[in-house]
Amino acid sequence: MTPGEPQPSRSPSSAPPLEVQRAFWNEWDTKYRERSLEDLEPDSIRRGRLALRWTETLKLGSGATILEVGCANGWLCEHLVTFGAVTGTDIADEVIARAQTRHPNIRFLAGDFSTLVLPAASFDVVVCLETLGCVANQPAFLAHIADLLKPGGHLILTTQNRFVYERYDGVAPQNPGQLRHWLFWSELRRLLRPRYRILRHTTVAPASQRGMLRVVTSRKLDRILGPVIGAEHLDRVRETLGFGRSLAVLARRESREERP
């Protein structure tokens, strides 16, 4: 998602009408997501590759079922089929219709995720990249995902890192069809705590230009340390320290018996 400046109310009643959101995402996904993983902008590629690496670490068996929420044109679903049967959902109905034509081996569903009827406890993994920040009722959204996961199933999630975006100059104006409910790490942790156990967490795609992050992410530092430790390793250090634009979490759905 292209980020923006305002921090709107977190009340569900503040959400734009569904048809306005749908129109925005049909236009936005057509412009920015009608392409393969390799042709996307670097941040999306980085998030997608992390999701695939984490999925691989789960060692899913035959018959595994995977749901991607906010799948856009199915660019990541196309790679997730390596691990099991994939269902993709998105509000952008026109984009989803084209995705179904391109990928007949994947099940695509268009609509508001909160009202989509899917069988409970039926997915081994749910992948959700940069979608939570576009949701008005985030606790209900995460609870719905938990209900769809099998006991012990896993959630792979990324969402905009508010700490970084509040210090980032490359922010576009917010469109009337967008919701932007960015989160600090502490807020995301609290949202996940009732239903999930966090197994791994990091940030993705470091970039910022104000305050202390100007030094941490500066090109001058790249020139000094890049030749010594490597540019890729330097970025991984920044991500581990929390300076990536996206928060990233691998979490396991807990049963009632496991909850404290």
C-alpha atoms as a PDB file:
ATOM      1  CA  MET A   1       0.000   0.000   0.000  1.00  0.00           C
ATOM      2  CA  THR A   2       1.091   3.571  -0.614  1.00  0.00           C
ATOM      3  CA  PRO A   3       1.080   5.168   2.856  1.00  0.00           C
ATOM      4  CA  GLY A   4      -0.344   8.533   3.840  1.00  0.00           C
ATOM      5  CA  GLU A   5      -0.287  11.209   6.479  1.00  0.00           C
ATOM      6  CA  PRO A   6      -3.590  11.272   8.415  1.00  0.00           C
ATOM      7  CA  GLN A   7      -4.353   9.001  11.339  1.00  0.00           C
ATOM      8  CA  PRO A   8      -8.162   8.678  11.216  1.00  0.00           C
ATOM      9  CA  SER A   9     -10.365   7.561  14.073  1.00  0.00           C
ATOM     10  CA  ARG A  10     -10.231   3.854  14.881  1.00  0.00           C
ATOM     11  CA  SER A  11     -13.998   3.689  15.281  1.00  0.00           C
ATOM     12  CA  PRO A  12     -15.730   1.278  12.831  1.00  0.00           C
ATOM     13  CA  SER A  13     -18.278   4.020  12.126  1.00  0.00           C
ATOM     14  CA  SER A  14     -15.505   6.186  10.635  1.00  0.00           C
ATOM     15  CA  ALA A  15     -14.967   3.818   7.696  1.00  0.00           C
ATOM     16  CA  PRO A  16     -15.856   5.093   4.204  1.00  0.00           C
ATOM     17  CA  PRO A  17     -18.853   3.356   2.600  1.00  0.00           C
ATOM     18  CA  LEU A  18     -18.001  -0.105   1.298  1.00  0.00           C
ATOM     19  CA  GLU A  19     -18.660   0.884  -2.320  1.00  0.00           C
ATOM     20  CA  VAL A  20     -16.205   3.798  -2.003  1.00  0.00           C
ATOM     21  CA  GLN A  21     -13.531   1.497  -0.591  1.00  0.00           C
ATOM     22  CA  ARG A  22     -14.194  -1.074  -3.315  1.00  0.00           C
ATOM     23  CA  ALA A  23     -13.872   1.535  -6.070  1.00  0.00           C
ATOM     24  CA  PHE A  24     -10.585   2.802  -4.633  1.00  0.00           C
ATOM     25  CA  TRP A  25      -9.036  -0.659  -4.367  1.00  0.00           C
ATOM     26  CA  ASN A  26     -10.186  -1.698  -7.832  1.00  0.00           C
ATOM     27  CA  GLU A  27      -8.382   1.332  -9.219  1.00  0.00           C
ATOM     28  CA  TRP A  28      -5.327   1.045  -6.953  1.00  0.00           C
ATOM     29  CA  ASP A  29      -4.803  -2.698  -7.420  1.00  0.00           C
ATOM     30  CA  THR A  30      -5.193  -2.362 -11.184  1.00  0.00           C
ATOM     31  CA  LYS A  31      -2.514   0.321 -11.242  1.00  0.00           C
ATOM     32  CA  TYR A  32      -0.030  -1.161  -8.769  1.00  0.00           C
ATOM     33  CA  ARG A  33      -0.738  -4.900  -8.416  1.00  0.00           C
ATOM     34  CA  GLU A  34      -1.514  -6.239 -11.903  1.00  0.00           C
ATOM     35  CA  ARG A  35       1.957  -7.692 -12.193  1.00  0.00           C
ATOM     36  CA  SER A  36       4.087 -10.608 -11.024  1.00  0.00           C
ATOM     37  CA  LEU A  37       6.004 -10.758  -7.751  1.00  0.00           C
ATOM     38  CA  GLU A  38       9.270  -9.923  -9.483  1.00  0.00           C
ATOM     39  CA  ASP A  39       7.802  -6.772 -11.101  1.00  0.00           C
ATOM     40  CA  LEU A  40       6.378  -5.214  -7.936  1.00  0.00           C
ATOM     41  CA  GLU A  41       8.027  -2.388  -6.017  1.00  0.00           C
ATOM     42  CA  PRO A  42      10.892  -3.507  -3.733  1.00  0.00           C
ATOM     43  CA  ASP A  43       8.921  -3.249  -0.462  1.00  0.00           C
ATOM     44  CA  SER A  44       6.202  -5.638  -1.690  1.00  0.00           C
ATOM     45  CA  ILE A  45       8.810  -8.058  -3.004  1.00  0.00           C
ATOM     46  CA  ARG A  46      10.555  -8.020   0.383  1.00  0.00           C
ATOM     47  CA  ARG A  47       7.294  -8.662   2.272  1.00  0.00           C
ATOM     48  CA  GLY A  48       6.240 -11.381  -0.149  1.00  0.00           C
ATOM     49  CA  ARG A  49       9.545 -13.219   0.071  1.00  0.00           C
ATOM     50  CA  LEU A  50       9.457 -13.078   3.871  1.00  0.00           C
ATOM     51  CA  ALA A  51       5.944 -14.557   3.872  1.00  0.00           C
ATOM     52  CA  LEU A  52       7.087 -17.371   1.608  1.00  0.00           C
ATOM     53  CA  ARG A  53      10.161 -18.080   3.756  1.00  0.00           C
ATOM     54  CA  TRP A  54       8.073 -18.238   6.903  1.00  0.00           C
ATOM     55  CA  THR A  55       5.500 -20.464   5.217  1.00  0.00           C
ATOM     56  CA  GLU A  56       8.292 -22.821   4.180  1.00  0.00           C
ATOM     57  CA  THR A  57       9.536 -23.060   7.774  1.00  0.00           C
ATOM     58  CA  LEU A  58       6.123 -24.395   8.869  1.00  0.00           C
ATOM     59  CA  LYS A  59       6.769 -27.675   7.012  1.00  0.00           C
ATOM     60  CA  LEU A  60       3.135 -28.044   5.978  1.00  0.00           C
ATOM     61  CA  GLY A  61       2.051 -31.537   5.044  1.00  0.00           C
ATOM     62  CA  SER A  62       0.046 -32.694   2.066  1.00  0.00           C
ATOM     63  CA  GLY A  63      -3.476 -31.340   1.970  1.00  0.00           C
ATOM     64  CA  ALA A  64      -2.509 -28.056   3.634  1.00  0.00           C
ATOM     65  CA  THR A  65      -4.959 -25.171   3.205  1.00  0.00           C
ATOM     66  CA  ILE A  66      -3.889 -21.534   2.950  1.00  0.00           C
ATOM     67  CA  LEU A  67      -5.969 -18.340   2.960  1.00  0.00           C
ATOM     68  CA  GLU A  68      -4.641 -14.957   1.842  1.00  0.00           C
ATOM     69  CA  VAL A  69      -6.678 -11.989   3.042  1.00  0.00           C
ATOM     70  CA  GLY A  70      -6.225  -8.867   0.923  1.00  0.00           C
ATOM     71  CA  CYS A  71      -4.681 -10.782  -1.962  1.00  0.00           C
ATOM     72  CA  ALA A  72      -5.179  -8.091  -4.651  1.00  0.00           C
ATOM     73  CA  ASN A  73      -4.524  -9.711  -8.049  1.00  0.00           C
ATOM     74  CA  GLY A  74      -3.206 -12.943  -6.533  1.00  0.00           C
ATOM     75  CA  TRP A  75       0.476 -12.168  -7.075  1.00  0.00           C
ATOM     76  CA  LEU A  76       1.439 -13.938  -3.833  1.00  0.00           C
ATOM     77  CA  CYS A  77      -1.226 -16.657  -4.070  1.00  0.00           C
ATOM     78  CA  GLU A  78       0.506 -17.781  -7.243  1.00  0.00           C
ATOM     79  CA  HIS A  79       3.557 -18.696  -5.138  1.00  0.00           C
ATOM     80  CA  LEU A  80       1.704 -19.956  -2.070  1.00  0.00           C
ATOM     81  CA  VAL A  81       0.234 -22.845  -4.097  1.00  0.00           C
ATOM     82  CA  THR A  82       3.640 -24.493  -3.706  1.00  0.00           C
ATOM     83  CA  PHE A  83       2.613 -25.239  -0.105  1.00  0.00           C
ATOM     84  CA  GLY A  84      -1.041 -26.244  -0.449  1.00  0.00           C
ATOM     85  CA  ALA A  85      -4.529 -25.371  -1.685  1.00  0.00           C
ATOM     86  CA  VAL A  86      -4.958 -21.592  -1.720  1.00  0.00           C
ATOM     87  CA  THR A  87      -7.968 -19.322  -1.301  1.00  0.00           C
ATOM     88  CA  GLY A  88      -7.551 -15.583  -1.888  1.00  0.00           C
ATOM     89  CA  THR A  89      -9.927 -12.823  -0.810  1.00  0.00           C
ATOM     90  CA  ASP A  90     -10.065  -9.108  -1.557  1.00  0.00           C
ATOM     91  CA  ILE A  91     -12.591  -6.295  -1.625  1.00  0.00           C
ATOM     92  CA  ALA A  92     -11.576  -5.352  -5.200  1.00  0.00           C
ATOM     93  CA  ASP A  93     -14.133  -7.419  -7.131  1.00  0.00           C
ATOM     94  CA  GLU A  94     -12.960  -6.474 -10.641  1.00  0.00           C
ATOM     95  CA  VAL A  95      -9.363  -7.362  -9.808  1.00  0.00           C
ATOM     96  CA  ILE A  96     -10.449 -10.647  -8.218  1.00  0.00           C
ATOM     97  CA  ALA A  97     -12.446 -11.603 -11.320  1.00  0.00           C
ATOM     98  CA  ARG A  98      -9.343 -11.168 -13.485  1.00  0.00           C
ATOM     99  CA  ALA A  99      -7.225 -13.070 -10.966  1.00  0.00           C
ATOM    100  CA  GLN A 100      -9.604 -16.034 -11.151  1.00  0.00           C
ATOM    101  CA  THR A 101      -9.261 -16.085 -14.930  1.00  0.00           C
ATOM    102  CA  ARG A 102      -5.458 -16.035 -14.717  1.00  0.00           C
ATOM    103  CA  HIS A 103      -5.223 -18.610 -11.924  1.00  0.00           C
ATOM    104  CA  PRO A 104      -8.021 -21.196 -12.245  1.00  0.00           C
ATOM    105  CA  ASN A 105      -6.208 -23.465  -9.768  1.00  0.00           C
ATOM    106  CA  ILE A 106      -6.758 -20.924  -6.973  1.00  0.00           C
ATOM    107  CA  ARG A 107     -10.102 -20.127  -5.358  1.00  0.00           C
ATOM    108  CA  PHE A 108     -10.780 -16.374  -5.258  1.00  0.00           C
ATOM    109  CA  LEU A 109     -13.553 -14.661  -3.312  1.00  0.00           C
ATOM    110  CA  ALA A 110     -14.459 -10.978  -3.665  1.00  0.00           C
ATOM    111  CA  GLY A 111     -16.051  -9.053  -0.818  1.00  0.00           C
ATOM    112  CA  ASP A 112     -15.711  -7.561   2.629  1.00  0.00           C
ATOM    113  CA  PHE A 113     -13.709 -10.113   4.602  1.00  0.00           C
ATOM    114  CA  SER A 114     -15.746  -9.506   7.756  1.00  0.00           C
ATOM    115  CA  THR A 115     -18.907 -10.748   6.030  1.00  0.00           C
ATOM    116  CA  LEU A 116     -17.476 -13.512   3.822  1.00  0.00           C
ATOM    117  CA  VAL A 117     -18.808 -16.937   4.756  1.00  0.00           C
ATOM    118  CA  LEU A 118     -15.926 -19.381   5.138  1.00  0.00           C
ATOM    119  CA  PRO A 119     -15.861 -22.629   7.131  1.00  0.00           C
ATOM    120  CA  ALA A 120     -14.555 -22.260  10.668  1.00  0.00           C
ATOM    121  CA  ALA A 121     -11.257 -23.903  11.652  1.00  0.00           C
ATOM    122  CA  SER A 122     -10.507 -24.846   8.046  1.00  0.00           C
ATOM    123  CA  PHE A 123      -7.126 -23.221   7.245  1.00  0.00           C
ATOM    124  CA  ASP A 124      -3.622 -24.209   8.279  1.00  0.00           C
ATOM    125  CA  VAL A 125      -2.175 -20.788   7.423  1.00  0.00           C
ATOM    126  CA  VAL A 126      -3.613 -17.315   6.904  1.00  0.00           C
ATOM    127  CA  VAL A 127      -1.406 -14.751   5.160  1.00  0.00           C
ATOM    128  CA  CYS A 128      -2.333 -11.077   5.436  1.00  0.00           C
ATOM    129  CA  LEU A 129       0.067  -8.458   4.048  1.00  0.00           C
ATOM    130  CA  GLU A 130      -0.526  -4.719   4.614  1.00  0.00           C
ATOM    131  CA  THR A 131      -4.299  -5.178   5.058  1.00  0.00           C
ATOM    132  CA  LEU A 132      -4.816  -4.817   8.814  1.00  0.00           C
ATOM    133  CA  GLY A 133      -4.027  -1.095   8.582  1.00  0.00           C
ATOM    134  CA  CYS A 134      -6.948  -0.690   6.151  1.00  0.00           C
ATOM    135  CA  VAL A 135      -9.486  -2.180   8.573  1.00  0.00           C
ATOM    136  CA  ALA A 136     -11.779  -0.178  10.855  1.00  0.00           C
ATOM    137  CA  ASN A 137     -12.397  -2.865  13.474  1.00  0.00           C
ATOM    138  CA  GLN A 138      -9.014  -4.482  13.882  1.00  0.00           C
ATOM    139  CA  PRO A 139      -9.809  -6.678  16.941  1.00  0.00           C
ATOM    140  CA  ALA A 140     -12.808  -8.214  15.154  1.00  0.00           C
ATOM    141  CA  PHE A 141     -10.741  -8.716  12.001  1.00  0.00           C
ATOM    142  CA  LEU A 142      -8.034 -10.666  13.858  1.00  0.00           C
ATOM    143  CA  ALA A 143     -10.639 -12.640  15.811  1.00  0.00           C
ATOM    144  CA  HIS A 144     -12.314 -13.641  12.533  1.00  0.00           C
ATOM    145  CA  ILE A 145      -8.985 -14.882  11.178  1.00  0.00           C
ATOM    146  CA  ALA A 146      -8.453 -16.880  14.377  1.00  0.00           C
ATOM    147  CA  ASP A 147     -11.867 -18.504  13.948  1.00  0.00           C
ATOM    148  CA  LEU A 148     -10.907 -19.615  10.431  1.00  0.00           C
ATOM    149  CA  LEU A 149      -7.586 -21.136  11.511  1.00  0.00           C
ATOM    150  CA  LYS A 150      -7.357 -24.735  12.566  1.00  0.00           C
ATOM    151  CA  PRO A 151      -6.186 -25.300  16.155  1.00  0.00           C
ATOM    152  CA  GLY A 152      -2.457 -24.650  16.075  1.00  0.00           C
ATOM    153  CA  GLY A 153      -2.752 -22.916  12.691  1.00  0.00           C
ATOM    154  CA  HIS A 154      -0.498 -19.993  11.825  1.00  0.00           C
ATOM    155  CA  LEU A 155      -0.949 -16.348  10.892  1.00  0.00           C
ATOM    156  CA  ILE A 156       1.666 -14.528   8.791  1.00  0.00           C
ATOM    157  CA  LEU A 157       0.922 -10.813   8.941  1.00  0.00           C
ATOM    158  CA  THR A 158       2.541  -7.530   7.977  1.00  0.00           C
ATOM    159  CA  THR A 159       1.154  -4.075   8.653  1.00  0.00           C
ATOM    160  CA  GLN A 160       2.385  -0.492   8.432  1.00  0.00           C
ATOM    161  CA  ASN A 161       4.837   0.505  11.164  1.00  0.00           C
ATOM    162  CA  ARG A 162       3.464   3.731  12.630  1.00  0.00           C
ATOM    163  CA  PHE A 163       6.757   4.552  14.362  1.00  0.00           C
ATOM    164  CA  VAL A 164       8.531   4.722  11.008  1.00  0.00           C
ATOM    165  CA  TYR A 165       5.775   6.275   8.894  1.00  0.00           C
ATOM    166  CA  GLU A 166       5.396   9.176  11.299  1.00  0.00           C
ATOM    167  CA  ARG A 167       9.058   9.974  10.537  1.00  0.00           C
ATOM    168  CA  TYR A 168       8.938   9.275   6.795  1.00  0.00           C
ATOM    169  CA  ASP A 169       8.834  12.037   4.164  1.00  0.00           C
ATOM    170  CA  GLY A 170       7.684   9.884   1.246  1.00  0.00           C
ATOM    171  CA  VAL A 171       4.027   9.878   2.301  1.00  0.00           C
ATOM    172  CA  ALA A 172       1.227  10.372  -0.222  1.00  0.00           C
ATOM    173  CA  PRO A 173      -2.093  12.078   0.581  1.00  0.00           C
ATOM    174  CA  GLN A 174      -4.838   9.802   1.840  1.00  0.00           C
ATOM    175  CA  ASN A 175      -7.570   8.904  -0.642  1.00  0.00           C
ATOM    176  CA  PRO A 176     -11.227   9.168   0.495  1.00  0.00           C
ATOM    177  CA  GLY A 177     -11.618   5.433  -0.122  1.00  0.00           C
ATOM    178  CA  GLN A 178      -8.742   4.505   2.188  1.00  0.00           C
ATOM    179  CA  LEU A 179      -8.521   3.630   5.857  1.00  0.00           C
ATOM    180  CA  ARG A 180      -5.150   4.151   7.505  1.00  0.00           C
ATOM    181  CA  HIS A 181      -5.010   2.708  10.984  1.00  0.00           C
ATOM    182  CA  TRP A 182      -1.275   2.252  11.413  1.00  0.00           C
ATOM    183  CA  LEU A 183       0.057   0.541  14.516  1.00  0.00           C
ATOM    184  CA  PHE A 184       2.979   0.719  16.889  1.00  0.00           C
ATOM    185  CA  TRP A 185       4.526  -2.640  17.762  1.00  0.00           C
ATOM    186  CA  SER A 186       3.053  -2.476  21.274  1.00  0.00           C
ATOM    187  CA  GLU A 187      -0.441  -2.004  19.797  1.00  0.00           C
ATOM    188  CA  LEU A 188      -0.083  -4.930  17.413  1.00  0.00           C
ATOM    189  CA  ARG A 189       1.152  -7.147  20.231  1.00  0.00           C
ATOM    190  CA  ARG A 190      -1.899  -6.262  22.352  1.00  0.00           C
ATOM    191  CA  LEU A 191      -4.257  -6.945  19.440  1.00  0.00           C
ATOM    192  CA  LEU A 192      -2.765 -10.394  18.875  1.00  0.00           C
ATOM    193  CA  ARG A 193      -2.433 -11.433  22.500  1.00  0.00           C
ATOM    194  CA  PRO A 194      -5.998 -12.731  23.120  1.00  0.00           C
ATOM    195  CA  ARG A 195      -5.936 -15.296  20.301  1.00  0.00           C
ATOM    196  CA  TYR A 196      -2.336 -15.809  19.175  1.00  0.00           C
ATOM    197  CA  ARG A 197       1.127 -16.700  20.427  1.00  0.00           C
ATOM    198  CA  ILE A 198       3.787 -14.678  18.604  1.00  0.00           C
ATOM    199  CA  LEU A 199       6.568 -16.960  17.371  1.00  0.00           C
ATOM    200  CA  ARG A 200       8.651 -14.565  15.296  1.00  0.00           C
ATOM    201  CA  HIS A 201       8.596 -10.838  14.668  1.00  0.00           C
ATOM    202  CA  THR A 202      10.666  -8.326  12.754  1.00  0.00           C
ATOM    203  CA  THR A 203      10.181  -5.321  10.503  1.00  0.00           C
ATOM    204  CA  VAL A 204      10.509  -5.123   6.728  1.00  0.00           C
ATOM    205  CA  ALA A 205      11.846  -2.532   4.259  1.00  0.00           C
ATOM    206  CA  PRO A 206      13.794   0.112   6.217  1.00  0.00           C
ATOM    207  CA  ALA A 207      13.460   3.684   4.968  1.00  0.00           C
ATOM    208  CA  SER A 208      12.982   6.970   6.767  1.00  0.00           C
ATOM    209  CA  GLN A 209      14.159  10.543   6.535  1.00  0.00           C
ATOM    210  CA  ARG A 210      13.419  12.456   9.764  1.00  0.00           C
ATOM    211  CA  GLY A 211      14.706  12.483  13.329  1.00  0.00           C
ATOM    212  CA  MET A 212      17.113   9.819  14.510  1.00  0.00           C
ATOM    213  CA  LEU A 213      16.110   7.558  11.622  1.00  0.00           C
ATOM    214  CA  ARG A 214      17.772   9.982   9.206  1.00  0.00           C
ATOM    215  CA  VAL A 215      21.125   8.768  10.580  1.00  0.00           C
ATOM    216  CA  VAL A 216      20.201   5.096  10.920  1.00  0.00           C
ATOM    217  CA  THR A 217      18.910   4.821   7.353  1.00  0.00           C
ATOM    218  CA  SER A 218      21.161   7.364   5.661  1.00  0.00           C
ATOM    219  CA  ARG A 219      23.002   6.766   2.401  1.00  0.00           C
ATOM    220  CA  LYS A 220      26.184   7.945   4.113  1.00  0.00           C
ATOM    221  CA  LEU A 221      25.910   5.011   6.526  1.00  0.00           C
ATOM    222  CA  ASP A 222      25.313   2.738   3.532  1.00  0.00           C
ATOM    223  CA  ARG A 223      28.534   3.973   1.930  1.00  0.00           C
ATOM    224  CA  ILE A 224      30.511   3.436   5.133  1.00  0.00           C
ATOM    225  CA  LEU A 225      29.155   0.076   6.310  1.00  0.00           C
ATOM    226  CA  GLY A 226      27.809  -1.420   3.088  1.00  0.00           C
ATOM    227  CA  PRO A 227      31.210  -2.484   1.701  1.00  0.00           C
ATOM    228  CA  VAL A 228      32.173  -3.905   5.110  1.00  0.00           C
ATOM    229  CA  ILE A 229      29.130  -5.990   6.089  1.00  0.00           C
ATOM    230  CA  GLY A 230      27.116  -5.920   2.844  1.00  0.00           C
ATOM    231  CA  ALA A 231      24.066  -3.824   1.986  1.00  0.00           C
ATOM    232  CA  GLU A 232      21.633  -6.723   2.450  1.00  0.00           C
ATOM    233  CA  HIS A 233      22.989  -7.543   5.910  1.00  0.00           C
ATOM    234  CA  LEU A 234      22.851  -3.873   6.882  1.00  0.00           C
ATOM    235  CA  ASP A 235      19.179  -3.744   5.933  1.00  0.00           C
ATOM    236  CA  ARG A 236      18.483  -6.901   7.948  1.00  0.00           C
ATOM    237  CA  VAL A 237      20.069  -5.263  10.996  1.00  0.00           C
ATOM    238  CA  ARG A 238      17.839  -2.220  10.531  1.00  0.00           C
ATOM    239  CA  GLU A 239      14.791  -4.447  10.193  1.00  0.00           C
ATOM    240  CA  THR A 240      15.673  -6.381  13.339  1.00  0.00           C
ATOM    241  CA  LEU A 241      16.070  -3.101  15.245  1.00  0.00           C
ATOM    242  CA  GLY A 242      12.532  -2.081  14.239  1.00  0.00           C
ATOM    243  CA  PHE A 243      13.280   0.458  11.495  1.00  0.00           C
ATOM    244  CA  GLY A 244      11.375  -1.239   8.665  1.00  0.00           C
ATOM    245  CA  ARG A 245       8.248   0.343   7.225  1.00  0.00           C
ATOM    246  CA  SER A 246       6.224  -2.809   7.961  1.00  0.00           C
ATOM    247  CA  LEU A 247       5.787  -4.779  11.165  1.00  0.00           C
ATOM    248  CA  ALA A 248       5.921  -8.516  10.421  1.00  0.00           C
ATOM    249  CA  VAL A 249       4.673 -11.338  12.644  1.00  0.00           C
ATOM    250  CA  LEU A 250       4.468 -15.110  12.515  1.00  0.00           C
ATOM    251  CA  ALA A 251       1.939 -16.224  15.141  1.00  0.00           C
ATOM    252  CA  ARG A 252       0.181 -19.422  16.122  1.00  0.00           C
ATOM    253  CA  ARG A 253      -3.485 -19.606  16.988  1.00  0.00           C
ATOM    254  CA  GLU A 254      -3.851 -20.644  20.593  1.00  0.00           C
ATOM    255  CA  SER A 255      -6.600 -22.888  21.895  1.00  0.00           C
ATOM    256  CA  ARG A 256      -8.628 -21.772  24.894  1.00  0.00           C
ATOM    257  CA  GLU A 257      -6.654 -24.208  27.040  1.00  0.00           C
ATOM    258  CA  GLU A 258      -3.359 -22.556  26.036  1.00  0.00           C
ATOM    259  CA  ARG A 259      -4.432 -19.009  26.824  1.00  0.00           C
ATOM    260  CA  PRO A 260      -3.185 -17.516  30.088  1.00  0.00           C
END
